[in-house]
Every structure is written in structure tokens, then in C-alpha cells.
Amino acid sequence: MSIPTPSQGAADSRQAPEPQLAPADYSDYAEFLVHGKNEILSILRSLQAAVDRITLHVGEGRNFLPTALIAVDEDAVTLDLGADQEMNQRALNADKVFCVTRHERVRVQFVLRGLQQVDFQGRPAFRAALPDDLLRLQRREYYRLTTPIANPLKCLIPVAAEDGTTSDIEVQVADISGGGLAFTQPTAGMTFAKDMRFTQCRVELPEVGTLVATLQVKGVFEITLRSGGQATRVGCQFVRLPGPMVTLVQRYIIKVERERQARGSGIA
């Protein structure tokens, strides 16, 4: 098969990317990370063979350019340069870039570190070491609702002390779905780590009811806030959430979305 030219494999980077191609937070989907080298190579080679468009994000997703895989070796990948030279240079200067695409309706995301510009069969291209892992969502994603800033959700997490007593740690929920929730690590009082499990956690869902759930920490990640500051994000999965509790979450999500749509249309 012929190798796509830059115009075929990478459209003008000034075009808006598809919304679903924004980078996903690994803390939300840690269980879908692929670590095996052979499986990573197989997935990447499928992307190359299908000439799937890849959106390459620089920084916190504010800068992006379309590209495509043009070669996958045992230890490295090669991608098209974008049409925007300024964006290409930003990608080359970045410590890491996020690559996001869909293959056969499945989201694929991976991180490349230390991009270099190389000559590939007579034309310039990006080259980087094979990613350490790869995110591949093999089931329909849960819809994740970013919680309202004006009326944020609070989660009370019971934590046992050494003397056997239990106290609640209050955290602010950043987003919630039928599969779990994420919150920002509190500045003091508790440090969360992967695989920690907490029972009888409570979230008051305004005008809907009280969610009671067991949370298991799936990932803890450093993030950059819009203000430029740093924070720690903790992604948790609901463990065997009962049907009535799932219904509460769904009702809350629908309620908030309807309110947002009403405000957007000027009704409220």
C-alpha cells in the first residue's frame, strides 16, 4: 500500500478536532491500559494499515495537529508532520504529546515522548520511541458529567484511624458517571493511592438523593489547571454499584444536562 502524503495523512492543523478526540484522563480508564509490547505493536500497526487520522495534542490539549502513522518499527513509530510549521515545532519542543484516534469505533490513545524530526523516504516526519502503554477502550464509554462549579458535589469518604475510629474525609467531585467518579486530592489529611478501597462513601445529589457506594482508586495523576497550577486528580471506580444507585446517578446527570441546556437556550 502506498504511504500517504502529508496532505492525505495530516489535514490543516487549524481545523477544529472532533470533540471525541480530546485526550481522555488515564485516571478515568486505568483498567483499559495496554502494557504488553506485542499488543501495543499490533494495535499501532492496525492504525497504520487503516491510515486512521490521529489528533496529536501538545500541552493540555489546547494545541493540536492532525497526523497519521506511516511506520511502526519494533521500538519506534514514525508519523506525518502537520501542515502548520509552528505547531510542528511546538510538538518537537514538548516533553510529551498525546495521540488520540478511533479505530473501528474504538478509542485509542497513547503518549509519545521526545519527538524528533527525521527524513523518511525523502520527506520530513516525526519519530519517537514506542509508547510504554496504550489506552484502548473496548466497551462503550460511560458518559462523564463535569460537575457544576456553582454547586459542586461533595463526597464523604469514611477512613479508619489506627485506634479503630472512623472519620469522613470530604473531597470535591470533579466528574461523575455510571461507572465512577473523580476528585481532586485534598491538600491535607489523606493521601490516596491506586487500589485503595473505601466502603459506604456518600455523595449528596441535589434534588435527586444520596448516592452510597464503594469506591476503588484506579489511578492518581498530576494535572495542570487552567490557572497554570498543579493538582492531583484521583479517579475511582464504583464497585458493584446496585441498580438503584446507578439510577440515581443517571437521574442526576440528566437533571444537570437539562438545566445546562435550558440556560443555553435562554429558558432559565
C-alpha atoms as a PDB file:
ATOM      1  CA  MET A   1       0.000   0.000   0.000  1.00  0.00           C
ATOM      2  CA  SER A   2       1.243   3.496  -0.739  1.00  0.00           C
ATOM      3  CA  ILE A   3       2.318   5.760   2.089  1.00  0.00           C
ATOM      4  CA  PRO A   4       0.018   8.773   2.489  1.00  0.00           C
ATOM      5  CA  THR A   5       1.396  12.166   1.648  1.00  0.00           C
ATOM      6  CA  PRO A   6       1.199  14.913   4.271  1.00  0.00           C
ATOM      7  CA  SER A   7      -1.938  16.261   2.618  1.00  0.00           C
ATOM      8  CA  GLN A   8      -3.558  12.822   2.825  1.00  0.00           C
ATOM      9  CA  GLY A   9      -2.398  11.818   6.271  1.00  0.00           C
ATOM     10  CA  ALA A  10      -2.473  15.180   8.046  1.00  0.00           C
ATOM     11  CA  ALA A  11      -5.044  17.849   7.390  1.00  0.00           C
ATOM     12  CA  ASP A  12      -4.592  21.526   8.158  1.00  0.00           C
ATOM     13  CA  SER A  13      -3.927  21.763  11.927  1.00  0.00           C
ATOM     14  CA  ARG A  14      -6.065  24.889  12.174  1.00  0.00           C
ATOM     15  CA  GLN A  15      -9.210  22.851  11.687  1.00  0.00           C
ATOM     16  CA  ALA A  16     -11.121  22.104  14.895  1.00  0.00           C
ATOM     17  CA  PRO A  17     -10.624  18.494  16.058  1.00  0.00           C
ATOM     18  CA  GLU A  18     -13.571  16.195  16.557  1.00  0.00           C
ATOM     19  CA  PRO A  19     -14.764  16.569  20.178  1.00  0.00           C
ATOM     20  CA  GLN A  20     -14.334  12.846  20.892  1.00  0.00           C
ATOM     21  CA  LEU A  21     -10.634  13.115  20.032  1.00  0.00           C
ATOM     22  CA  ALA A  22      -9.756  15.261  23.017  1.00  0.00           C
ATOM     23  CA  PRO A  23      -7.344  13.396  25.319  1.00  0.00           C
ATOM     24  CA  ALA A  24      -9.022  11.234  27.952  1.00  0.00           C
ATOM     25  CA  ASP A  25      -7.758  11.267  31.524  1.00  0.00           C
ATOM     26  CA  TYR A  26      -5.966   7.974  32.202  1.00  0.00           C
ATOM     27  CA  SER A  27      -7.248   8.039  35.791  1.00  0.00           C
ATOM     28  CA  ASP A  28     -10.762   7.518  34.437  1.00  0.00           C
ATOM     29  CA  TYR A  29      -9.889   4.412  32.416  1.00  0.00           C
ATOM     30  CA  ALA A  30      -6.806   2.883  34.030  1.00  0.00           C
ATOM     31  CA  GLU A  31      -8.234  -0.627  33.649  1.00  0.00           C
ATOM     32  CA  PHE A  32      -8.122  -0.247  29.852  1.00  0.00           C
ATOM     33  CA  LEU A  33      -4.389   0.474  29.635  1.00  0.00           C
ATOM     34  CA  VAL A  34      -2.461  -1.967  27.431  1.00  0.00           C
ATOM     35  CA  HIS A  35       1.112  -2.619  28.604  1.00  0.00           C
ATOM     36  CA  GLY A  36       2.306  -5.608  26.560  1.00  0.00           C
ATOM     37  CA  LYS A  37       4.707  -4.655  23.758  1.00  0.00           C
ATOM     38  CA  ASN A  38       3.319  -7.169  21.269  1.00  0.00           C
ATOM     39  CA  GLU A  39      -0.246  -5.977  21.788  1.00  0.00           C
ATOM     40  CA  ILE A  40       0.823  -2.322  21.514  1.00  0.00           C
ATOM     41  CA  LEU A  41       2.621  -3.082  18.240  1.00  0.00           C
ATOM     42  CA  SER A  42      -0.425  -4.913  16.898  1.00  0.00           C
ATOM     43  CA  ILE A  43      -2.769  -2.009  17.663  1.00  0.00           C
ATOM     44  CA  LEU A  44      -0.403   0.600  16.213  1.00  0.00           C
ATOM     45  CA  ARG A  45       0.089  -1.415  13.039  1.00  0.00           C
ATOM     46  CA  SER A  46      -3.683  -1.640  12.646  1.00  0.00           C
ATOM     47  CA  LEU A  47      -3.852   2.169  12.852  1.00  0.00           C
ATOM     48  CA  GLN A  48      -1.122   2.438  10.223  1.00  0.00           C
ATOM     49  CA  ALA A  49      -2.773  -0.044   7.863  1.00  0.00           C
ATOM     50  CA  ALA A  50      -6.125   1.737   8.114  1.00  0.00           C
ATOM     51  CA  VAL A  51      -4.486   5.171   7.685  1.00  0.00           C
ATOM     52  CA  ASP A  52      -6.560   6.354  10.644  1.00  0.00           C
ATOM     53  CA  ARG A  53      -6.366  10.054  11.322  1.00  0.00           C
ATOM     54  CA  ILE A  54      -4.604  10.763  14.627  1.00  0.00           C
ATOM     55  CA  THR A  55      -5.015  14.010  16.548  1.00  0.00           C
ATOM     56  CA  LEU A  56      -1.709  14.934  18.170  1.00  0.00           C
ATOM     57  CA  HIS A  57      -2.155  17.166  21.224  1.00  0.00           C
ATOM     58  CA  VAL A  58       0.599  19.353  22.654  1.00  0.00           C
ATOM     59  CA  GLY A  59       0.363  20.603  26.241  1.00  0.00           C
ATOM     60  CA  GLU A  60      -3.024  20.308  27.945  1.00  0.00           C
ATOM     61  CA  GLY A  61      -4.957  19.798  24.716  1.00  0.00           C
ATOM     62  CA  ARG A  62      -5.027  23.469  23.713  1.00  0.00           C
ATOM     63  CA  ASN A  63      -2.679  22.901  20.763  1.00  0.00           C
ATOM     64  CA  PHE A  64      -3.196  20.089  18.292  1.00  0.00           C
ATOM     65  CA  LEU A  65      -2.475  18.927  14.778  1.00  0.00           C
ATOM     66  CA  PRO A  66      -3.771  16.057  12.626  1.00  0.00           C
ATOM     67  CA  THR A  67      -1.293  13.377  11.640  1.00  0.00           C
ATOM     68  CA  ALA A  68      -1.115   9.671  10.746  1.00  0.00           C
ATOM     69  CA  LEU A  69       1.196   6.749  11.434  1.00  0.00           C
ATOM     70  CA  ILE A  70       3.390   5.990   8.444  1.00  0.00           C
ATOM     71  CA  ALA A  71       5.746   3.421  10.009  1.00  0.00           C
ATOM     72  CA  VAL A  72       5.755   1.196  13.090  1.00  0.00           C
ATOM     73  CA  ASP A  73       9.030  -0.496  13.998  1.00  0.00           C
ATOM     74  CA  GLU A  74       9.896  -2.782  16.904  1.00  0.00           C
ATOM     75  CA  ASP A  75      10.992   0.136  19.073  1.00  0.00           C
ATOM     76  CA  ALA A  76       9.773   3.323  17.372  1.00  0.00           C
ATOM     77  CA  VAL A  77       6.942   4.944  15.436  1.00  0.00           C
ATOM     78  CA  THR A  78       7.006   7.467  12.593  1.00  0.00           C
ATOM     79  CA  LEU A  79       4.222   9.969  11.899  1.00  0.00           C
ATOM     80  CA  ASP A  80       3.465  12.627   9.311  1.00  0.00           C
ATOM     81  CA  LEU A  81       4.393  16.209  10.043  1.00  0.00           C
ATOM     82  CA  GLY A  82       1.436  18.578  10.196  1.00  0.00           C
ATOM     83  CA  ALA A  83       0.773  21.394   7.751  1.00  0.00           C
ATOM     84  CA  ASP A  84       1.421  24.099  10.373  1.00  0.00           C
ATOM     85  CA  GLN A  85       5.158  24.535  10.925  1.00  0.00           C
ATOM     86  CA  GLU A  86       4.674  26.449  14.171  1.00  0.00           C
ATOM     87  CA  MET A  87       2.638  23.586  15.619  1.00  0.00           C
ATOM     88  CA  ASN A  88       5.202  21.081  14.383  1.00  0.00           C
ATOM     89  CA  GLN A  89       7.905  22.959  16.266  1.00  0.00           C
ATOM     90  CA  ARG A  90       5.806  23.054  19.445  1.00  0.00           C
ATOM     91  CA  ALA A  91       5.413  19.292  19.224  1.00  0.00           C
ATOM     92  CA  LEU A  92       9.168  18.860  18.779  1.00  0.00           C
ATOM     93  CA  ASN A  93       9.854  21.097  21.792  1.00  0.00           C
ATOM     94  CA  ALA A  94       7.370  19.310  24.062  1.00  0.00           C
ATOM     95  CA  ASP A  95       8.458  16.677  26.573  1.00  0.00           C
ATOM     96  CA  LYS A  96       5.461  14.575  25.580  1.00  0.00           C
ATOM     97  CA  VAL A  97       2.480  14.649  23.214  1.00  0.00           C
ATOM     98  CA  PHE A  98      -0.874  12.858  23.346  1.00  0.00           C
ATOM     99  CA  CYS A  99      -2.024  10.939  20.275  1.00  0.00           C
ATOM    100  CA  VAL A 100      -5.753  10.173  20.065  1.00  0.00           C
ATOM    101  CA  THR A 101      -7.782   8.415  17.395  1.00  0.00           C
ATOM    102  CA  ARG A 102     -10.594   5.949  16.773  1.00  0.00           C
ATOM    103  CA  HIS A 103     -10.101   2.614  15.085  1.00  0.00           C
ATOM    104  CA  GLU A 104     -13.203   0.636  14.172  1.00  0.00           C
ATOM    105  CA  ARG A 105     -15.190   2.843  16.591  1.00  0.00           C
ATOM    106  CA  VAL A 106     -12.816   2.122  19.472  1.00  0.00           C
ATOM    107  CA  ARG A 107     -10.879   4.970  21.095  1.00  0.00           C
ATOM    108  CA  VAL A 108      -7.105   4.565  21.050  1.00  0.00           C
ATOM    109  CA  GLN A 109      -4.799   6.940  22.919  1.00  0.00           C
ATOM    110  CA  PHE A 110      -1.077   6.889  23.668  1.00  0.00           C
ATOM    111  CA  VAL A 111       1.710   9.199  24.785  1.00  0.00           C
ATOM    112  CA  LEU A 112       4.898   9.810  22.798  1.00  0.00           C
ATOM    113  CA  ARG A 113       7.949  11.356  24.450  1.00  0.00           C
ATOM    114  CA  GLY A 114      10.799  13.243  22.865  1.00  0.00           C
ATOM    115  CA  LEU A 115       9.607  13.648  19.274  1.00  0.00           C
ATOM    116  CA  GLN A 116      12.384  14.122  16.749  1.00  0.00           C
ATOM    117  CA  GLN A 117      12.239  15.279  13.142  1.00  0.00           C
ATOM    118  CA  VAL A 118      13.696  12.763  10.705  1.00  0.00           C
ATOM    119  CA  ASP A 119      13.868  12.178   6.986  1.00  0.00           C
ATOM    120  CA  PHE A 120      11.516   9.378   5.987  1.00  0.00           C
ATOM    121  CA  GLN A 121      11.716   8.212   2.378  1.00  0.00           C
ATOM    122  CA  GLY A 122      12.648  11.694   1.194  1.00  0.00           C
ATOM    123  CA  ARG A 123      10.280  13.753   3.291  1.00  0.00           C
ATOM    124  CA  PRO A 124      10.331  15.136   6.865  1.00  0.00           C
ATOM    125  CA  ALA A 125       8.464  13.216   9.563  1.00  0.00           C
ATOM    126  CA  PHE A 126       8.106  12.809  13.329  1.00  0.00           C
ATOM    127  CA  ARG A 127       9.766   9.874  15.062  1.00  0.00           C
ATOM    128  CA  ALA A 128       9.590   8.729  18.694  1.00  0.00           C
ATOM    129  CA  ALA A 129      10.165   5.664  20.818  1.00  0.00           C
ATOM    130  CA  LEU A 130       7.358   3.131  21.108  1.00  0.00           C
ATOM    131  CA  PRO A 131       4.874   4.214  23.830  1.00  0.00           C
ATOM    132  CA  ASP A 132       5.174   2.481  27.210  1.00  0.00           C
ATOM    133  CA  ASP A 133       1.440   1.817  27.290  1.00  0.00           C
ATOM    134  CA  LEU A 134      -1.680   2.479  25.266  1.00  0.00           C
ATOM    135  CA  LEU A 135      -5.293   3.226  26.170  1.00  0.00           C
ATOM    136  CA  ARG A 136      -7.831   1.161  24.259  1.00  0.00           C
ATOM    137  CA  LEU A 137     -11.458   1.368  25.328  1.00  0.00           C
ATOM    138  CA  GLN A 138     -13.050  -1.931  24.475  1.00  0.00           C
ATOM    139  CA  ARG A 139     -16.574  -1.116  25.585  1.00  0.00           C
ATOM    140  CA  ARG A 140     -18.965   1.779  25.240  1.00  0.00           C
ATOM    141  CA  GLU A 141     -17.680   4.609  27.391  1.00  0.00           C
ATOM    142  CA  TYR A 142     -19.751   5.861  30.288  1.00  0.00           C
ATOM    143  CA  TYR A 143     -20.937   9.413  29.817  1.00  0.00           C
ATOM    144  CA  ARG A 144     -18.949  11.525  32.288  1.00  0.00           C
ATOM    145  CA  LEU A 145     -20.564  14.671  33.642  1.00  0.00           C
ATOM    146  CA  THR A 146     -18.322  17.536  34.730  1.00  0.00           C
ATOM    147  CA  THR A 147     -19.936  18.681  37.959  1.00  0.00           C
ATOM    148  CA  PRO A 148     -21.291  22.241  38.287  1.00  0.00           C
ATOM    149  CA  ILE A 149     -18.797  24.768  39.632  1.00  0.00           C
ATOM    150  CA  ALA A 150     -21.532  26.864  41.255  1.00  0.00           C
ATOM    151  CA  ASN A 151     -22.971  23.878  43.136  1.00  0.00           C
ATOM    152  CA  PRO A 152     -20.134  21.346  43.421  1.00  0.00           C
ATOM    153  CA  LEU A 153     -20.683  17.791  44.598  1.00  0.00           C
ATOM    154  CA  LYS A 154     -19.018  16.689  47.817  1.00  0.00           C
ATOM    155  CA  CYS A 155     -18.092  13.094  48.546  1.00  0.00           C
ATOM    156  CA  LEU A 156     -17.673  11.886  52.123  1.00  0.00           C
ATOM    157  CA  ILE A 157     -15.163   9.034  52.312  1.00  0.00           C
ATOM    158  CA  PRO A 158     -15.013   7.070  55.592  1.00  0.00           C
ATOM    159  CA  VAL A 159     -11.406   6.469  56.649  1.00  0.00           C
ATOM    160  CA  ALA A 160     -10.407   4.261  59.604  1.00  0.00           C
ATOM    161  CA  ALA A 161      -7.778   5.540  62.041  1.00  0.00           C
ATOM    162  CA  GLU A 162      -5.216   3.393  63.846  1.00  0.00           C
ATOM    163  CA  ASP A 163      -7.304   3.466  67.037  1.00  0.00           C
ATOM    164  CA  GLY A 164     -10.234   1.910  65.204  1.00  0.00           C
ATOM    165  CA  THR A 165     -12.339   5.045  64.933  1.00  0.00           C
ATOM    166  CA  THR A 166     -13.689   6.224  61.591  1.00  0.00           C
ATOM    167  CA  SER A 167     -13.904   9.769  60.279  1.00  0.00           C
ATOM    168  CA  ASP A 168     -15.092  11.224  56.990  1.00  0.00           C
ATOM    169  CA  ILE A 169     -12.727  12.859  54.509  1.00  0.00           C
ATOM    170  CA  GLU A 170     -14.591  15.393  52.342  1.00  0.00           C
ATOM    171  CA  VAL A 171     -13.456  15.754  48.731  1.00  0.00           C
ATOM    172  CA  GLN A 172     -14.853  17.768  45.830  1.00  0.00           C
ATOM    173  CA  VAL A 173     -16.096  15.658  42.920  1.00  0.00           C
ATOM    174  CA  ALA A 174     -14.757  16.798  39.547  1.00  0.00           C
ATOM    175  CA  ASP A 175     -16.879  14.487  37.389  1.00  0.00           C
ATOM    176  CA  ILE A 176     -19.210  11.542  37.786  1.00  0.00           C
ATOM    177  CA  SER A 177     -20.630   8.762  35.621  1.00  0.00           C
ATOM    178  CA  GLY A 178     -22.427   5.457  35.992  1.00  0.00           C
ATOM    179  CA  GLY A 179     -19.032   3.802  36.358  1.00  0.00           C
ATOM    180  CA  GLY A 180     -17.264   6.015  38.867  1.00  0.00           C
ATOM    181  CA  LEU A 181     -16.149   9.477  39.828  1.00  0.00           C
ATOM    182  CA  ALA A 182     -13.017  11.589  40.056  1.00  0.00           C
ATOM    183  CA  PHE A 183     -11.993  14.139  42.645  1.00  0.00           C
ATOM    184  CA  THR A 184      -9.094  16.400  43.499  1.00  0.00           C
ATOM    185  CA  GLN A 185      -6.690  15.185  46.159  1.00  0.00           C
ATOM    186  CA  PRO A 186      -7.289  17.183  49.356  1.00  0.00           C
ATOM    187  CA  THR A 187      -4.358  19.365  50.393  1.00  0.00           C
ATOM    188  CA  ALA A 188      -4.141  17.755  53.839  1.00  0.00           C
ATOM    189  CA  GLY A 189      -5.426  14.834  55.864  1.00  0.00           C
ATOM    190  CA  MET A 190      -5.215  11.925  53.431  1.00  0.00           C
ATOM    191  CA  THR A 191      -3.077  10.673  50.552  1.00  0.00           C
ATOM    192  CA  PHE A 192      -4.819   8.389  48.074  1.00  0.00           C
ATOM    193  CA  ALA A 193      -3.094   5.611  46.136  1.00  0.00           C
ATOM    194  CA  LYS A 194      -4.085   3.123  43.436  1.00  0.00           C
ATOM    195  CA  ASP A 195      -6.222   0.139  44.526  1.00  0.00           C
ATOM    196  CA  MET A 196      -7.308   1.691  47.830  1.00  0.00           C
ATOM    197  CA  ARG A 197     -10.924   0.748  48.521  1.00  0.00           C
ATOM    198  CA  PHE A 198     -13.451   2.655  50.612  1.00  0.00           C
ATOM    199  CA  THR A 199     -16.939   1.461  51.567  1.00  0.00           C
ATOM    200  CA  GLN A 200     -20.039   3.483  52.417  1.00  0.00           C
ATOM    201  CA  CYS A 201     -18.882   6.597  50.565  1.00  0.00           C
ATOM    202  CA  ARG A 202     -21.681   9.150  50.301  1.00  0.00           C
ATOM    203  CA  VAL A 203     -22.461  11.800  47.698  1.00  0.00           C
ATOM    204  CA  GLU A 204     -25.496  14.037  48.107  1.00  0.00           C
ATOM    205  CA  LEU A 205     -27.024  14.511  44.642  1.00  0.00           C
ATOM    206  CA  PRO A 206     -29.117  17.720  44.871  1.00  0.00           C
ATOM    207  CA  GLU A 207     -32.857  17.152  44.358  1.00  0.00           C
ATOM    208  CA  VAL A 208     -32.187  13.501  43.491  1.00  0.00           C
ATOM    209  CA  GLY A 209     -30.995  11.603  46.562  1.00  0.00           C
ATOM    210  CA  THR A 210     -27.933  10.266  48.369  1.00  0.00           C
ATOM    211  CA  LEU A 211     -25.535   8.033  46.477  1.00  0.00           C
ATOM    212  CA  VAL A 212     -23.925   5.377  48.691  1.00  0.00           C
ATOM    213  CA  ALA A 213     -21.117   3.433  47.035  1.00  0.00           C
ATOM    214  CA  THR A 214     -17.887   1.527  47.431  1.00  0.00           C
ATOM    215  CA  LEU A 215     -15.036   3.330  45.660  1.00  0.00           C
ATOM    216  CA  GLN A 216     -11.825   1.778  44.403  1.00  0.00           C
ATOM    217  CA  VAL A 217      -8.989   4.077  43.360  1.00  0.00           C
ATOM    218  CA  LYS A 218      -7.955   3.254  39.777  1.00  0.00           C
ATOM    219  CA  GLY A 219      -5.388   5.978  39.204  1.00  0.00           C
ATOM    220  CA  VAL A 220      -3.726   9.030  40.746  1.00  0.00           C
ATOM    221  CA  PHE A 221      -2.398  11.601  38.269  1.00  0.00           C
ATOM    222  CA  GLU A 222      -0.831  15.049  38.341  1.00  0.00           C
ATOM    223  CA  ILE A 223      -2.752  17.568  36.220  1.00  0.00           C
ATOM    224  CA  THR A 224      -2.235  21.180  35.168  1.00  0.00           C
ATOM    225  CA  LEU A 225      -5.114  23.507  35.993  1.00  0.00           C
ATOM    226  CA  ARG A 226      -6.305  26.263  33.669  1.00  0.00           C
ATOM    227  CA  SER A 227      -4.706  28.725  36.081  1.00  0.00           C
ATOM    228  CA  GLY A 228      -1.354  27.053  35.451  1.00  0.00           C
ATOM    229  CA  GLY A 229      -1.181  25.497  38.906  1.00  0.00           C
ATOM    230  CA  GLN A 230      -0.712  21.806  39.645  1.00  0.00           C
ATOM    231  CA  ALA A 231      -3.184  19.448  41.313  1.00  0.00           C
ATOM    232  CA  THR A 232      -3.576  15.727  41.915  1.00  0.00           C
ATOM    233  CA  ARG A 233      -6.589  14.007  40.390  1.00  0.00           C
ATOM    234  CA  VAL A 234      -7.901  10.748  41.845  1.00  0.00           C
ATOM    235  CA  GLY A 235     -10.006   8.545  39.564  1.00  0.00           C
ATOM    236  CA  CYS A 236     -12.262   5.976  41.233  1.00  0.00           C
ATOM    237  CA  GLN A 237     -14.464   3.135  40.033  1.00  0.00           C
ATOM    238  CA  PHE A 238     -17.743   2.145  41.632  1.00  0.00           C
ATOM    239  CA  VAL A 239     -17.520  -1.434  42.922  1.00  0.00           C
ATOM    240  CA  ARG A 240     -20.671  -3.450  42.207  1.00  0.00           C
ATOM    241  CA  LEU A 241     -22.890  -0.391  42.355  1.00  0.00           C
ATOM    242  CA  PRO A 242     -26.508  -1.525  42.976  1.00  0.00           C
ATOM    243  CA  GLY A 243     -29.081  -0.797  40.283  1.00  0.00           C
ATOM    244  CA  PRO A 244     -30.997   1.811  42.340  1.00  0.00           C
ATOM    245  CA  MET A 245     -27.752   3.746  42.908  1.00  0.00           C
ATOM    246  CA  VAL A 246     -26.943   3.651  39.177  1.00  0.00           C
ATOM    247  CA  THR A 247     -30.422   5.075  38.542  1.00  0.00           C
ATOM    248  CA  LEU A 248     -29.738   7.923  40.989  1.00  0.00           C
ATOM    249  CA  VAL A 249     -26.554   8.855  39.133  1.00  0.00           C
ATOM    250  CA  GLN A 250     -28.333   8.744  35.780  1.00  0.00           C
ATOM    251  CA  ARG A 251     -31.162  10.925  37.088  1.00  0.00           C
ATOM    252  CA  TYR A 252     -28.679  13.464  38.419  1.00  0.00           C
ATOM    253  CA  ILE A 253     -26.766  13.589  35.115  1.00  0.00           C
ATOM    254  CA  ILE A 254     -29.991  14.074  33.135  1.00  0.00           C
ATOM    255  CA  LYS A 255     -31.126  16.796  35.540  1.00  0.00           C
ATOM    256  CA  VAL A 256     -27.876  18.773  35.289  1.00  0.00           C
ATOM    257  CA  GLU A 257     -27.736  18.429  31.495  1.00  0.00           C
ATOM    258  CA  ARG A 258     -31.312  19.670  31.134  1.00  0.00           C
ATOM    259  CA  GLU A 259     -30.550  22.667  33.335  1.00  0.00           C
ATOM    260  CA  ARG A 260     -27.473  23.495  31.237  1.00  0.00           C
ATOM    261  CA  GLN A 261     -29.435  23.199  28.006  1.00  0.00           C
ATOM    262  CA  ALA A 262     -32.168  25.450  29.417  1.00  0.00           C
ATOM    263  CA  ARG A 263     -29.637  28.116  30.377  1.00  0.00           C
ATOM    264  CA  GLY A 264     -28.003  27.853  26.981  1.00  0.00           C
ATOM    265  CA  SER A 265     -31.323  28.392  25.205  1.00  0.00           C
ATOM    266  CA  GLY A 266     -32.259  31.294  27.477  1.00  0.00           C
ATOM    267  CA  ILE A 267     -35.171  29.462  29.090  1.00  0.00           C
ATOM    268  CA  ALA A 268     -33.597  29.585  32.546  1.00  0.00           C
END
